[in-house]
Amino acid sequence: MKAFVVRKYGKEGLGAAVVPEPTVGPTDVLVKVSAAGINPLDTMVRNGEFKHLLEYRKPFILGHDVAGVVIEVGSAVQGFAVGDEVYSRPRDLCIGTFAEYIAIDQADLALKPVSLSLPEAAAVPLVALAAQQVLLDRAHLQPGQKVLIHAGAGGLGSTVIQLAKHLGAHVATTANGRDTDRLHTLGADIVIDYTKEDFSQMLSGYDFVLDSLGGKNLEKSITVLKPGGLAIGVAGPPDAGFAKQLGLPRVMRLPLDLLSHHIRNAAKKRGARYEFFFMQANGAQLRDLAALYDAGVLQPVLDRTFPFDRTLEALAFVEQGKAHGKVVITMD
């Protein structure tokens, strides 16, 4: 089958290849890929940014989001049948959605939302799971709480805005001013134009901040939190909790704690907390999220699609920050 494979870490290490079709284990579902979503995580993994934590054996197929049609099920699979239209964010070390076929453990899979096309469904697994896990599992968001979502026009930000508003939060976001009207439509109460305004001078007393930019932006985000507030970073720095999530030995936790010491200490001085977030595959949560898409509570925010043979171009488009929403590659 055709696939896009990482042979070595770095931008030049990813290329098209012909590889064997995946084998199907007892709990696996073989999916014919119809579309695959592009995420910043794809370039991070391609570049080896997690190579000491996620030990992929090269060569490996890249890609973290998928929607497609079931063509075979393992002997122990329940709840899926040939012909089902499904979507998934396969678990780490079992990724590989930039290919014609992928075998996915049934625990990571769900029937796609009925109301979404296959390309639309391919745009949402990672960002929808991240939104649910950040807001509900980590922040335990309550109605009336104040949240700040950075990069609201992106795939992750636009999804978190929608879910936070559904949960009853007061939502502020940062974005380019040209996206203001669209973000208000998605549920943002306050849209701060980062090209003209400094959010840290305009906001205060926030319960939760989601930062996807890192660096100085994360440091400034800490200043808008109230005592007891929580800042979560998806761009780093990682912490010991991430090492624990990956099941790494204790010896690996201290170096990660050191990486995040500065920002955790800054939060502590304000009576707040910082945590790094790395989403986890979860088919059961995808089933719940499908119901929200079908009810119209959530909607995918697509920028554009690329044909499969232009996958490298699609990755470059996202990497250059040109996308306003999700970019999807299609097999049509």
C-alpha atoms as a PDB file:
ATOM      1  CA  MET A   1       0.000   0.000   0.000  1.00  0.00           C
ATOM      2  CA  LYS A   2       0.999   3.646  -0.389  1.00  0.00           C
ATOM      3  CA  ALA A   3       2.011   5.534   2.749  1.00  0.00           C
ATOM      4  CA  PHE A   4       4.054   8.453   4.015  1.00  0.00           C
ATOM      5  CA  VAL A   5       6.882   7.087   6.121  1.00  0.00           C
ATOM      6  CA  VAL A   6       9.416   8.601   8.526  1.00  0.00           C
ATOM      7  CA  ARG A   7      12.791   7.021   7.720  1.00  0.00           C
ATOM      8  CA  LYS A   8      14.817   9.444   9.824  1.00  0.00           C
ATOM      9  CA  TYR A   9      13.904  12.336  12.054  1.00  0.00           C
ATOM     10  CA  GLY A  10      13.724  15.758  10.438  1.00  0.00           C
ATOM     11  CA  LYS A  11      11.823  17.465   7.630  1.00  0.00           C
ATOM     12  CA  GLU A  12      13.670  15.570   4.913  1.00  0.00           C
ATOM     13  CA  GLY A  13      13.115  12.228   6.596  1.00  0.00           C
ATOM     14  CA  LEU A  14       9.439  11.916   5.626  1.00  0.00           C
ATOM     15  CA  GLY A  15       8.493  10.658   2.173  1.00  0.00           C
ATOM     16  CA  ALA A  16       6.164   8.530   0.107  1.00  0.00           C
ATOM     17  CA  ALA A  17       6.749   4.774   0.109  1.00  0.00           C
ATOM     18  CA  VAL A  18       5.130   1.466  -0.731  1.00  0.00           C
ATOM     19  CA  VAL A  19       4.849  -0.686   2.400  1.00  0.00           C
ATOM     20  CA  PRO A  20       3.096  -3.950   3.363  1.00  0.00           C
ATOM     21  CA  GLU A  21      -0.544  -3.727   4.383  1.00  0.00           C
ATOM     22  CA  PRO A  22      -1.043  -3.997   8.168  1.00  0.00           C
ATOM     23  CA  THR A  23      -1.780  -7.313   9.827  1.00  0.00           C
ATOM     24  CA  VAL A  24      -4.957  -7.633  11.862  1.00  0.00           C
ATOM     25  CA  GLY A  25      -4.712  -8.841  15.460  1.00  0.00           C
ATOM     26  CA  PRO A  26      -7.610 -10.277  17.513  1.00  0.00           C
ATOM     27  CA  THR A  27      -8.746  -6.852  18.799  1.00  0.00           C
ATOM     28  CA  ASP A  28      -7.853  -4.892  15.663  1.00  0.00           C
ATOM     29  CA  VAL A  29     -10.146  -3.311  13.104  1.00  0.00           C
ATOM     30  CA  LEU A  30      -8.721  -2.861   9.607  1.00  0.00           C
ATOM     31  CA  VAL A  31      -9.814   0.466   8.163  1.00  0.00           C
ATOM     32  CA  LYS A  32      -9.586   1.618   4.575  1.00  0.00           C
ATOM     33  CA  VAL A  33      -8.578   5.237   4.994  1.00  0.00           C
ATOM     34  CA  SER A  34     -10.882   7.795   3.409  1.00  0.00           C
ATOM     35  CA  ALA A  35      -9.326  10.886   4.984  1.00  0.00           C
ATOM     36  CA  ALA A  36      -6.672  11.800   7.540  1.00  0.00           C
ATOM     37  CA  GLY A  37      -6.386  14.993   9.556  1.00  0.00           C
ATOM     38  CA  ILE A  38      -3.159  16.980   9.837  1.00  0.00           C
ATOM     39  CA  ASN A  39      -2.046  18.096  13.305  1.00  0.00           C
ATOM     40  CA  PRO A  40       0.950  20.046  14.625  1.00  0.00           C
ATOM     41  CA  LEU A  41       1.760  16.829  16.497  1.00  0.00           C
ATOM     42  CA  ASP A  42       2.597  15.206  13.164  1.00  0.00           C
ATOM     43  CA  THR A  43       5.467  17.599  12.525  1.00  0.00           C
ATOM     44  CA  MET A  44       6.637  17.314  16.129  1.00  0.00           C
ATOM     45  CA  VAL A  45       6.823  13.524  15.881  1.00  0.00           C
ATOM     46  CA  ARG A  46       8.434  13.753  12.426  1.00  0.00           C
ATOM     47  CA  ASN A  47      11.082  16.068  13.838  1.00  0.00           C
ATOM     48  CA  GLY A  48      11.845  13.735  16.743  1.00  0.00           C
ATOM     49  CA  GLU A  49      10.715  16.097  19.471  1.00  0.00           C
ATOM     50  CA  PHE A  50       9.398  13.152  21.516  1.00  0.00           C
ATOM     51  CA  LYS A  51      11.984  10.586  20.431  1.00  0.00           C
ATOM     52  CA  HIS A  52      13.265  10.033  23.978  1.00  0.00           C
ATOM     53  CA  LEU A  53       9.733   9.527  25.292  1.00  0.00           C
ATOM     54  CA  LEU A  54       7.881   7.870  22.399  1.00  0.00           C
ATOM     55  CA  GLU A  55      10.275   5.342  20.915  1.00  0.00           C
ATOM     56  CA  TYR A  56       8.976   4.773  17.407  1.00  0.00           C
ATOM     57  CA  ARG A  57      10.877   2.154  15.438  1.00  0.00           C
ATOM     58  CA  LYS A  58      11.871   3.651  12.104  1.00  0.00           C
ATOM     59  CA  PRO A  59      10.658   3.468   9.478  1.00  0.00           C
ATOM     60  CA  PHE A  60       7.133   4.212  10.683  1.00  0.00           C
ATOM     61  CA  ILE A  61       4.006   5.662   9.084  1.00  0.00           C
ATOM     62  CA  LEU A  62       3.026   9.145  10.276  1.00  0.00           C
ATOM     63  CA  GLY A  63      -0.482  10.453  10.980  1.00  0.00           C
ATOM     64  CA  HIS A  64      -2.703  10.724  14.072  1.00  0.00           C
ATOM     65  CA  ASP A  65      -6.290  11.311  12.805  1.00  0.00           C
ATOM     66  CA  VAL A  66      -8.373   9.128  10.516  1.00  0.00           C
ATOM     67  CA  ALA A  67     -11.829   8.421   9.160  1.00  0.00           C
ATOM     68  CA  GLY A  68     -12.628   5.514   6.901  1.00  0.00           C
ATOM     69  CA  VAL A  69     -14.518   2.294   6.283  1.00  0.00           C
ATOM     70  CA  VAL A  70     -14.069  -1.017   8.093  1.00  0.00           C
ATOM     71  CA  ILE A  71     -12.968  -3.810   5.746  1.00  0.00           C
ATOM     72  CA  GLU A  72     -11.961  -6.503   8.267  1.00  0.00           C
ATOM     73  CA  VAL A  73     -12.342  -7.162  12.005  1.00  0.00           C
ATOM     74  CA  GLY A  74     -10.257  -9.280  14.359  1.00  0.00           C
ATOM     75  CA  SER A  75     -11.611 -12.434  15.981  1.00  0.00           C
ATOM     76  CA  ALA A  76     -12.248 -10.724  19.346  1.00  0.00           C
ATOM     77  CA  VAL A  77     -13.726  -7.479  18.019  1.00  0.00           C
ATOM     78  CA  GLN A  78     -17.187  -6.497  19.194  1.00  0.00           C
ATOM     79  CA  GLY A  79     -19.327  -3.566  18.084  1.00  0.00           C
ATOM     80  CA  PHE A  80     -17.808  -3.083  14.637  1.00  0.00           C
ATOM     81  CA  ALA A  81     -18.620  -4.731  11.315  1.00  0.00           C
ATOM     82  CA  VAL A  82     -17.395  -4.595   7.746  1.00  0.00           C
ATOM     83  CA  GLY A  83     -18.822  -1.507   6.057  1.00  0.00           C
ATOM     84  CA  ASP A  84     -18.996   0.660   9.184  1.00  0.00           C
ATOM     85  CA  GLU A  85     -17.817   4.241   8.794  1.00  0.00           C
ATOM     86  CA  VAL A  86     -15.498   4.993  11.702  1.00  0.00           C
ATOM     87  CA  TYR A  87     -13.106   7.605  13.066  1.00  0.00           C
ATOM     88  CA  SER A  88     -10.165   7.465  15.448  1.00  0.00           C
ATOM     89  CA  ARG A  89      -7.047   8.937  16.927  1.00  0.00           C
ATOM     90  CA  PRO A  90      -4.970   5.722  17.253  1.00  0.00           C
ATOM     91  CA  ARG A  91      -2.899   5.352  20.397  1.00  0.00           C
ATOM     92  CA  ASP A  92       0.728   6.451  20.504  1.00  0.00           C
ATOM     93  CA  LEU A  93       3.213   3.996  18.971  1.00  0.00           C
ATOM     94  CA  CYS A  94       0.330   2.640  16.845  1.00  0.00           C
ATOM     95  CA  ILE A  95      -0.230   5.699  14.656  1.00  0.00           C
ATOM     96  CA  GLY A  96      -0.032   5.624  10.859  1.00  0.00           C
ATOM     97  CA  THR A  97      -3.047   7.310   9.296  1.00  0.00           C
ATOM     98  CA  PHE A  98      -1.136   8.702   6.295  1.00  0.00           C
ATOM     99  CA  ALA A  99      -1.663   5.434   4.444  1.00  0.00           C
ATOM    100  CA  GLU A 100      -4.254   3.578   2.431  1.00  0.00           C
ATOM    101  CA  TYR A 101      -5.022   1.185   5.306  1.00  0.00           C
ATOM    102  CA  ILE A 102      -4.515   1.116   9.071  1.00  0.00           C
ATOM    103  CA  ALA A 103      -5.232  -1.496  11.741  1.00  0.00           C
ATOM    104  CA  ILE A 104      -6.654   0.156  14.869  1.00  0.00           C
ATOM    105  CA  ASP A 105      -7.374  -1.405  18.254  1.00  0.00           C
ATOM    106  CA  GLN A 106     -11.124  -1.445  18.835  1.00  0.00           C
ATOM    107  CA  ALA A 107     -10.664   0.492  22.110  1.00  0.00           C
ATOM    108  CA  ASP A 108      -9.429   3.510  20.117  1.00  0.00           C
ATOM    109  CA  LEU A 109     -12.223   3.457  17.537  1.00  0.00           C
ATOM    110  CA  ALA A 110     -15.803   4.724  17.261  1.00  0.00           C
ATOM    111  CA  LEU A 111     -18.512   5.008  14.653  1.00  0.00           C
ATOM    112  CA  LYS A 112     -18.121   8.425  13.068  1.00  0.00           C
ATOM    113  CA  PRO A 113     -20.762  11.116  13.639  1.00  0.00           C
ATOM    114  CA  VAL A 114     -23.615  10.471  11.218  1.00  0.00           C
ATOM    115  CA  SER A 115     -23.914  14.165  10.405  1.00  0.00           C
ATOM    116  CA  LEU A 116     -20.288  14.529   9.290  1.00  0.00           C
ATOM    117  CA  SER A 117     -18.723  13.553   5.998  1.00  0.00           C
ATOM    118  CA  LEU A 118     -15.648  11.341   6.162  1.00  0.00           C
ATOM    119  CA  PRO A 119     -13.250  14.282   5.594  1.00  0.00           C
ATOM    120  CA  GLU A 120     -15.044  16.271   8.305  1.00  0.00           C
ATOM    121  CA  ALA A 121     -14.854  13.301  10.676  1.00  0.00           C
ATOM    122  CA  ALA A 122     -11.123  12.939  10.003  1.00  0.00           C
ATOM    123  CA  ALA A 123     -10.620  16.511  11.202  1.00  0.00           C
ATOM    124  CA  VAL A 124     -11.911  16.025  14.725  1.00  0.00           C
ATOM    125  CA  PRO A 125     -10.648  12.988  16.726  1.00  0.00           C
ATOM    126  CA  LEU A 126      -7.466  14.462  18.215  1.00  0.00           C
ATOM    127  CA  VAL A 127      -8.811  17.948  18.869  1.00  0.00           C
ATOM    128  CA  ALA A 128     -12.168  16.730  20.187  1.00  0.00           C
ATOM    129  CA  LEU A 129     -10.532  14.240  22.547  1.00  0.00           C
ATOM    130  CA  ALA A 130      -8.104  16.927  23.694  1.00  0.00           C
ATOM    131  CA  ALA A 131     -10.970  19.351  24.362  1.00  0.00           C
ATOM    132  CA  GLN A 132     -12.891  16.825  26.454  1.00  0.00           C
ATOM    133  CA  GLN A 133      -9.867  15.601  28.377  1.00  0.00           C
ATOM    134  CA  VAL A 134      -8.585  19.117  29.098  1.00  0.00           C
ATOM    135  CA  LEU A 135     -11.881  20.668  30.143  1.00  0.00           C
ATOM    136  CA  LEU A 136     -13.518  17.749  31.932  1.00  0.00           C
ATOM    137  CA  ASP A 137     -10.781  15.364  33.064  1.00  0.00           C
ATOM    138  CA  ARG A 138      -8.158  17.966  33.981  1.00  0.00           C
ATOM    139  CA  ALA A 139      -9.861  21.310  34.633  1.00  0.00           C
ATOM    140  CA  HIS A 140     -13.183  19.872  35.874  1.00  0.00           C
ATOM    141  CA  LEU A 141     -14.796  22.930  34.305  1.00  0.00           C
ATOM    142  CA  GLN A 142     -17.936  24.270  35.985  1.00  0.00           C
ATOM    143  CA  PRO A 143     -20.629  26.605  34.628  1.00  0.00           C
ATOM    144  CA  GLY A 144     -19.756  30.250  35.063  1.00  0.00           C
ATOM    145  CA  GLN A 145     -16.000  29.743  35.236  1.00  0.00           C
ATOM    146  CA  LYS A 146     -13.752  31.964  33.131  1.00  0.00           C
ATOM    147  CA  VAL A 147     -11.472  30.307  30.569  1.00  0.00           C
ATOM    148  CA  LEU A 148      -8.878  31.672  28.158  1.00  0.00           C
ATOM    149  CA  ILE A 149      -8.189  29.648  25.006  1.00  0.00           C
ATOM    150  CA  HIS A 150      -5.200  30.717  22.948  1.00  0.00           C
ATOM    151  CA  ALA A 151      -5.088  30.381  19.152  1.00  0.00           C
ATOM    152  CA  GLY A 152      -8.855  30.160  18.942  1.00  0.00           C
ATOM    153  CA  ALA A 153      -8.938  30.026  15.140  1.00  0.00           C
ATOM    154  CA  GLY A 154      -6.959  26.784  15.002  1.00  0.00           C
ATOM    155  CA  GLY A 155      -8.319  23.272  15.022  1.00  0.00           C
ATOM    156  CA  LEU A 156      -7.768  22.737  18.747  1.00  0.00           C
ATOM    157  CA  GLY A 157      -8.721  26.204  19.903  1.00  0.00           C
ATOM    158  CA  SER A 158     -11.950  26.345  17.917  1.00  0.00           C
ATOM    159  CA  THR A 159     -13.039  22.981  19.324  1.00  0.00           C
ATOM    160  CA  VAL A 160     -12.214  23.858  22.936  1.00  0.00           C
ATOM    161  CA  ILE A 161     -14.140  27.122  22.582  1.00  0.00           C
ATOM    162  CA  GLN A 162     -17.259  25.257  21.474  1.00  0.00           C
ATOM    163  CA  LEU A 163     -17.115  22.663  24.231  1.00  0.00           C
ATOM    164  CA  ALA A 164     -16.302  25.221  26.935  1.00  0.00           C
ATOM    165  CA  LYS A 165     -19.294  27.315  25.904  1.00  0.00           C
ATOM    166  CA  HIS A 166     -21.510  24.215  25.914  1.00  0.00           C
ATOM    167  CA  LEU A 167     -20.351  23.534  29.470  1.00  0.00           C
ATOM    168  CA  GLY A 168     -21.428  27.021  30.518  1.00  0.00           C
ATOM    169  CA  ALA A 169     -18.087  28.804  30.745  1.00  0.00           C
ATOM    170  CA  HIS A 170     -17.283  32.431  29.994  1.00  0.00           C
ATOM    171  CA  VAL A 171     -14.813  32.117  27.104  1.00  0.00           C
ATOM    172  CA  ALA A 172     -12.044  34.463  26.028  1.00  0.00           C
ATOM    173  CA  THR A 173      -9.689  33.697  23.158  1.00  0.00           C
ATOM    174  CA  THR A 174      -6.771  35.169  21.249  1.00  0.00           C
ATOM    175  CA  ALA A 175      -6.708  35.224  17.458  1.00  0.00           C
ATOM    176  CA  ASN A 176      -6.067  37.393  14.447  1.00  0.00           C
ATOM    177  CA  GLY A 177      -8.694  40.107  14.240  1.00  0.00           C
ATOM    178  CA  ARG A 178      -9.975  38.800  10.904  1.00  0.00           C
ATOM    179  CA  ASP A 179     -11.348  35.733  12.708  1.00  0.00           C
ATOM    180  CA  THR A 180     -13.327  37.690  15.305  1.00  0.00           C
ATOM    181  CA  ASP A 181     -16.820  37.213  13.867  1.00  0.00           C
ATOM    182  CA  ARG A 182     -16.334  33.492  13.288  1.00  0.00           C
ATOM    183  CA  LEU A 183     -15.050  32.934  16.828  1.00  0.00           C
ATOM    184  CA  HIS A 184     -17.991  34.800  18.351  1.00  0.00           C
ATOM    185  CA  THR A 185     -20.248  32.484  16.340  1.00  0.00           C
ATOM    186  CA  LEU A 186     -18.461  29.459  17.790  1.00  0.00           C
ATOM    187  CA  GLY A 187     -19.066  30.716  21.321  1.00  0.00           C
ATOM    188  CA  ALA A 188     -16.256  33.071  22.308  1.00  0.00           C
ATOM    189  CA  ASP A 189     -17.439  35.925  24.537  1.00  0.00           C
ATOM    190  CA  ILE A 190     -14.203  37.911  24.181  1.00  0.00           C
ATOM    191  CA  VAL A 191     -11.870  37.812  21.164  1.00  0.00           C
ATOM    192  CA  ILE A 192      -8.524  39.546  21.641  1.00  0.00           C
ATOM    193  CA  ASP A 193      -6.628  40.472  18.479  1.00  0.00           C
ATOM    194  CA  TYR A 194      -3.076  39.375  19.305  1.00  0.00           C
ATOM    195  CA  THR A 195      -1.707  41.576  16.502  1.00  0.00           C
ATOM    196  CA  LYS A 196      -2.885  44.725  18.309  1.00  0.00           C
ATOM    197  CA  GLU A 197      -3.691  43.851  21.916  1.00  0.00           C
ATOM    198  CA  ASP A 198      -1.969  42.253  24.928  1.00  0.00           C
ATOM    199  CA  PHE A 199      -4.281  39.749  26.573  1.00  0.00           C
ATOM    200  CA  SER A 200      -2.327  39.925  29.846  1.00  0.00           C
ATOM    201  CA  GLN A 201      -3.237  43.618  30.176  1.00  0.00           C
ATOM    202  CA  MET A 202      -6.914  42.977  29.481  1.00  0.00           C
ATOM    203  CA  LEU A 203      -7.792  39.834  31.428  1.00  0.00           C
ATOM    204  CA  SER A 204      -7.592  38.797  35.074  1.00  0.00           C
ATOM    205  CA  GLY A 205      -9.198  36.416  37.523  1.00  0.00           C
ATOM    206  CA  TYR A 206      -9.402  33.467  35.148  1.00  0.00           C
ATOM    207  CA  ASP A 207      -9.989  29.914  36.316  1.00  0.00           C
ATOM    208  CA  PHE A 208      -8.323  28.167  33.414  1.00  0.00           C
ATOM    209  CA  VAL A 209      -5.973  28.879  30.518  1.00  0.00           C
ATOM    210  CA  LEU A 210      -5.167  26.558  27.617  1.00  0.00           C
ATOM    211  CA  ASP A 211      -1.883  27.529  25.967  1.00  0.00           C
ATOM    212  CA  SER A 212      -0.802  26.015  22.661  1.00  0.00           C
ATOM    213  CA  LEU A 213       2.049  28.430  21.947  1.00  0.00           C
ATOM    214  CA  GLY A 214       4.469  28.014  24.851  1.00  0.00           C
ATOM    215  CA  GLY A 215       7.391  30.270  25.753  1.00  0.00           C
ATOM    216  CA  LYS A 216       6.605  33.880  26.664  1.00  0.00           C
ATOM    217  CA  ASN A 217       2.936  33.407  25.832  1.00  0.00           C
ATOM    218  CA  LEU A 218       2.661  30.717  28.502  1.00  0.00           C
ATOM    219  CA  GLU A 219       4.492  32.869  31.039  1.00  0.00           C
ATOM    220  CA  LYS A 220       2.087  35.743  30.406  1.00  0.00           C
ATOM    221  CA  SER A 221      -0.862  33.368  30.629  1.00  0.00           C
ATOM    222  CA  ILE A 222       0.029  32.540  34.224  1.00  0.00           C
ATOM    223  CA  THR A 223      -0.532  36.199  35.161  1.00  0.00           C
ATOM    224  CA  VAL A 224      -4.236  36.151  34.254  1.00  0.00           C
ATOM    225  CA  LEU A 225      -5.037  33.236  36.585  1.00  0.00           C
ATOM    226  CA  LYS A 226      -6.750  33.708  39.912  1.00  0.00           C
ATOM    227  CA  PRO A 227      -5.534  31.799  42.987  1.00  0.00           C
ATOM    228  CA  GLY A 228      -6.512  28.160  42.509  1.00  0.00           C
ATOM    229  CA  GLY A 229      -6.463  28.548  38.730  1.00  0.00           C
ATOM    230  CA  LEU A 230      -4.915  26.118  36.276  1.00  0.00           C
ATOM    231  CA  ALA A 231      -2.814  26.680  33.154  1.00  0.00           C
ATOM    232  CA  ILE A 232      -2.378  23.761  30.793  1.00  0.00           C
ATOM    233  CA  GLY A 233       0.249  23.769  28.078  1.00  0.00           C
ATOM    234  CA  VAL A 234       0.101  21.539  25.011  1.00  0.00           C
ATOM    235  CA  ALA A 235       3.319  22.904  23.509  1.00  0.00           C
ATOM    236  CA  GLY A 236       5.369  22.286  26.629  1.00  0.00           C
ATOM    237  CA  PRO A 237       7.285  22.255  28.763  1.00  0.00           C
ATOM    238  CA  PRO A 238       6.494  18.666  29.812  1.00  0.00           C
ATOM    239  CA  ASP A 239       6.332  17.646  33.462  1.00  0.00           C
ATOM    240  CA  ALA A 240       6.645  14.516  35.591  1.00  0.00           C
ATOM    241  CA  GLY A 241       2.958  13.773  35.080  1.00  0.00           C
ATOM    242  CA  PHE A 242       3.629  13.269  31.376  1.00  0.00           C
ATOM    243  CA  ALA A 243       6.334  10.703  32.146  1.00  0.00           C
ATOM    244  CA  LYS A 244       3.890   8.911  34.449  1.00  0.00           C
ATOM    245  CA  GLN A 245       1.205   8.951  31.748  1.00  0.00           C
ATOM    246  CA  LEU A 246       3.619   7.265  29.338  1.00  0.00           C
ATOM    247  CA  GLY A 247       4.549   4.672  31.941  1.00  0.00           C
ATOM    248  CA  LEU A 248       8.185   5.760  31.975  1.00  0.00           C
ATOM    249  CA  PRO A 249      10.462   4.831  34.886  1.00  0.00           C
ATOM    250  CA  ARG A 250      10.779   7.205  37.825  1.00  0.00           C
ATOM    251  CA  VAL A 251      14.265   8.174  36.754  1.00  0.00           C
ATOM    252  CA  MET A 252      12.712   9.939  33.731  1.00  0.00           C
ATOM    253  CA  ARG A 253      10.381  12.057  35.848  1.00  0.00           C
ATOM    254  CA  LEU A 254      13.012  14.282  37.448  1.00  0.00           C
ATOM    255  CA  PRO A 255      14.417  15.627  34.134  1.00  0.00           C
ATOM    256  CA  LEU A 256      10.909  16.520  32.957  1.00  0.00           C
ATOM    257  CA  ASP A 257      10.143  18.188  36.281  1.00  0.00           C
ATOM    258  CA  LEU A 258      13.278  20.261  35.832  1.00  0.00           C
ATOM    259  CA  LEU A 259      12.177  21.327  32.357  1.00  0.00           C
ATOM    260  CA  SER A 260       8.922  22.710  33.742  1.00  0.00           C
ATOM    261  CA  HIS A 261      10.277  23.992  37.077  1.00  0.00           C
ATOM    262  CA  HIS A 262      10.335  27.665  36.033  1.00  0.00           C
ATOM    263  CA  ILE A 263       6.741  27.824  34.835  1.00  0.00           C
ATOM    264  CA  ARG A 264       5.419  25.657  37.680  1.00  0.00           C
ATOM    265  CA  ASN A 265       7.155  27.926  40.173  1.00  0.00           C
ATOM    266  CA  ALA A 266       5.690  31.032  38.518  1.00  0.00           C
ATOM    267  CA  ALA A 267       2.220  29.527  38.819  1.00  0.00           C
ATOM    268  CA  LYS A 268       2.813  28.483  42.426  1.00  0.00           C
ATOM    269  CA  LYS A 269       3.720  32.047  43.382  1.00  0.00           C
ATOM    270  CA  ARG A 270       0.241  33.099  42.253  1.00  0.00           C
ATOM    271  CA  GLY A 271      -1.425  30.233  44.096  1.00  0.00           C
ATOM    272  CA  ALA A 272      -2.131  28.558  40.743  1.00  0.00           C
ATOM    273  CA  ARG A 273      -0.922  25.419  38.940  1.00  0.00           C
ATOM    274  CA  TYR A 274       0.675  24.449  35.641  1.00  0.00           C
ATOM    275  CA  GLU A 275       0.318  21.059  33.939  1.00  0.00           C
ATOM    276  CA  PHE A 276       1.499  19.706  30.607  1.00  0.00           C
ATOM    277  CA  PHE A 277      -1.138  17.916  28.523  1.00  0.00           C
ATOM    278  CA  PHE A 278      -0.774  15.148  25.967  1.00  0.00           C
ATOM    279  CA  MET A 279      -4.068  13.614  24.900  1.00  0.00           C
ATOM    280  CA  GLN A 280      -4.834   9.906  25.102  1.00  0.00           C
ATOM    281  CA  ALA A 281      -6.659   7.696  22.613  1.00  0.00           C
ATOM    282  CA  ASN A 282     -10.156   6.809  23.804  1.00  0.00           C
ATOM    283  CA  GLY A 283     -12.863   5.237  21.654  1.00  0.00           C
ATOM    284  CA  ALA A 284     -15.527   5.548  24.372  1.00  0.00           C
ATOM    285  CA  GLN A 285     -15.015   9.303  24.542  1.00  0.00           C
ATOM    286  CA  LEU A 286     -15.175   9.492  20.754  1.00  0.00           C
ATOM    287  CA  ARG A 287     -18.615   7.868  20.927  1.00  0.00           C
ATOM    288  CA  ASP A 288     -19.777  10.551  23.370  1.00  0.00           C
ATOM    289  CA  LEU A 289     -18.285  13.289  21.213  1.00  0.00           C
ATOM    290  CA  ALA A 290     -20.002  11.905  18.098  1.00  0.00           C
ATOM    291  CA  ALA A 291     -23.321  12.518  19.820  1.00  0.00           C
ATOM    292  CA  LEU A 292     -22.344  16.162  20.419  1.00  0.00           C
ATOM    293  CA  TYR A 293     -21.461  16.622  16.745  1.00  0.00           C
ATOM    294  CA  ASP A 294     -24.730  15.012  15.654  1.00  0.00           C
ATOM    295  CA  ALA A 295     -26.663  17.254  18.065  1.00  0.00           C
ATOM    296  CA  GLY A 296     -25.022  20.347  16.567  1.00  0.00           C
ATOM    297  CA  VAL A 297     -23.277  21.254  19.823  1.00  0.00           C
ATOM    298  CA  LEU A 298     -19.902  20.852  18.123  1.00  0.00           C
ATOM    299  CA  GLN A 299     -18.974  21.466  14.514  1.00  0.00           C
ATOM    300  CA  PRO A 300     -15.730  20.779  12.684  1.00  0.00           C
ATOM    301  CA  VAL A 301     -13.763  23.799  11.518  1.00  0.00           C
ATOM    302  CA  LEU A 302     -12.032  22.912   8.261  1.00  0.00           C
ATOM    303  CA  ASP A 303      -9.646  25.143   6.397  1.00  0.00           C
ATOM    304  CA  ARG A 304      -9.094  22.988   3.301  1.00  0.00           C
ATOM    305  CA  THR A 305      -8.354  19.515   1.968  1.00  0.00           C
ATOM    306  CA  PHE A 306      -5.387  18.168   0.022  1.00  0.00           C
ATOM    307  CA  PRO A 307      -5.248  14.975  -2.050  1.00  0.00           C
ATOM    308  CA  PHE A 308      -3.195  12.151  -0.538  1.00  0.00           C
ATOM    309  CA  ASP A 309      -0.290  12.549  -2.963  1.00  0.00           C
ATOM    310  CA  ARG A 310       0.157  16.135  -1.697  1.00  0.00           C
ATOM    311  CA  THR A 311       0.517  15.130   1.957  1.00  0.00           C
ATOM    312  CA  LEU A 312       3.922  16.794   2.280  1.00  0.00           C
ATOM    313  CA  GLU A 313       2.450  20.031   0.961  1.00  0.00           C
ATOM    314  CA  ALA A 314      -0.411  19.779   3.464  1.00  0.00           C
ATOM    315  CA  LEU A 315       2.040  19.309   6.326  1.00  0.00           C
ATOM    316  CA  ALA A 316       4.047  22.333   5.197  1.00  0.00           C
ATOM    317  CA  PHE A 317       0.875  24.424   5.015  1.00  0.00           C
ATOM    318  CA  VAL A 318       0.061  23.622   8.649  1.00  0.00           C
ATOM    319  CA  GLU A 319       3.659  23.979   9.790  1.00  0.00           C
ATOM    320  CA  GLN A 320       3.884  27.471   8.284  1.00  0.00           C
ATOM    321  CA  GLY A 321       0.871  28.598  10.323  1.00  0.00           C
ATOM    322  CA  LYS A 322      -1.308  29.257   7.291  1.00  0.00           C
ATOM    323  CA  ALA A 323      -4.281  27.151   8.385  1.00  0.00           C
ATOM    324  CA  HIS A 324      -7.362  28.662  10.029  1.00  0.00           C
ATOM    325  CA  GLY A 325      -8.978  25.425  11.143  1.00  0.00           C
ATOM    326  CA  LYS A 326      -8.096  21.837  10.319  1.00  0.00           C
ATOM    327  CA  VAL A 327      -6.374  20.623   7.174  1.00  0.00           C
ATOM    328  CA  VAL A 328      -7.344  17.164   5.899  1.00  0.00           C
ATOM    329  CA  ILE A 329      -5.858  14.865   3.271  1.00  0.00           C
ATOM    330  CA  THR A 330      -8.281  12.758   1.261  1.00  0.00           C
ATOM    331  CA  MET A 331      -8.004   9.532  -0.664  1.00  0.00           C
ATOM    332  CA  ASP A 332     -10.567  10.467  -3.321  1.00  0.00           C
END
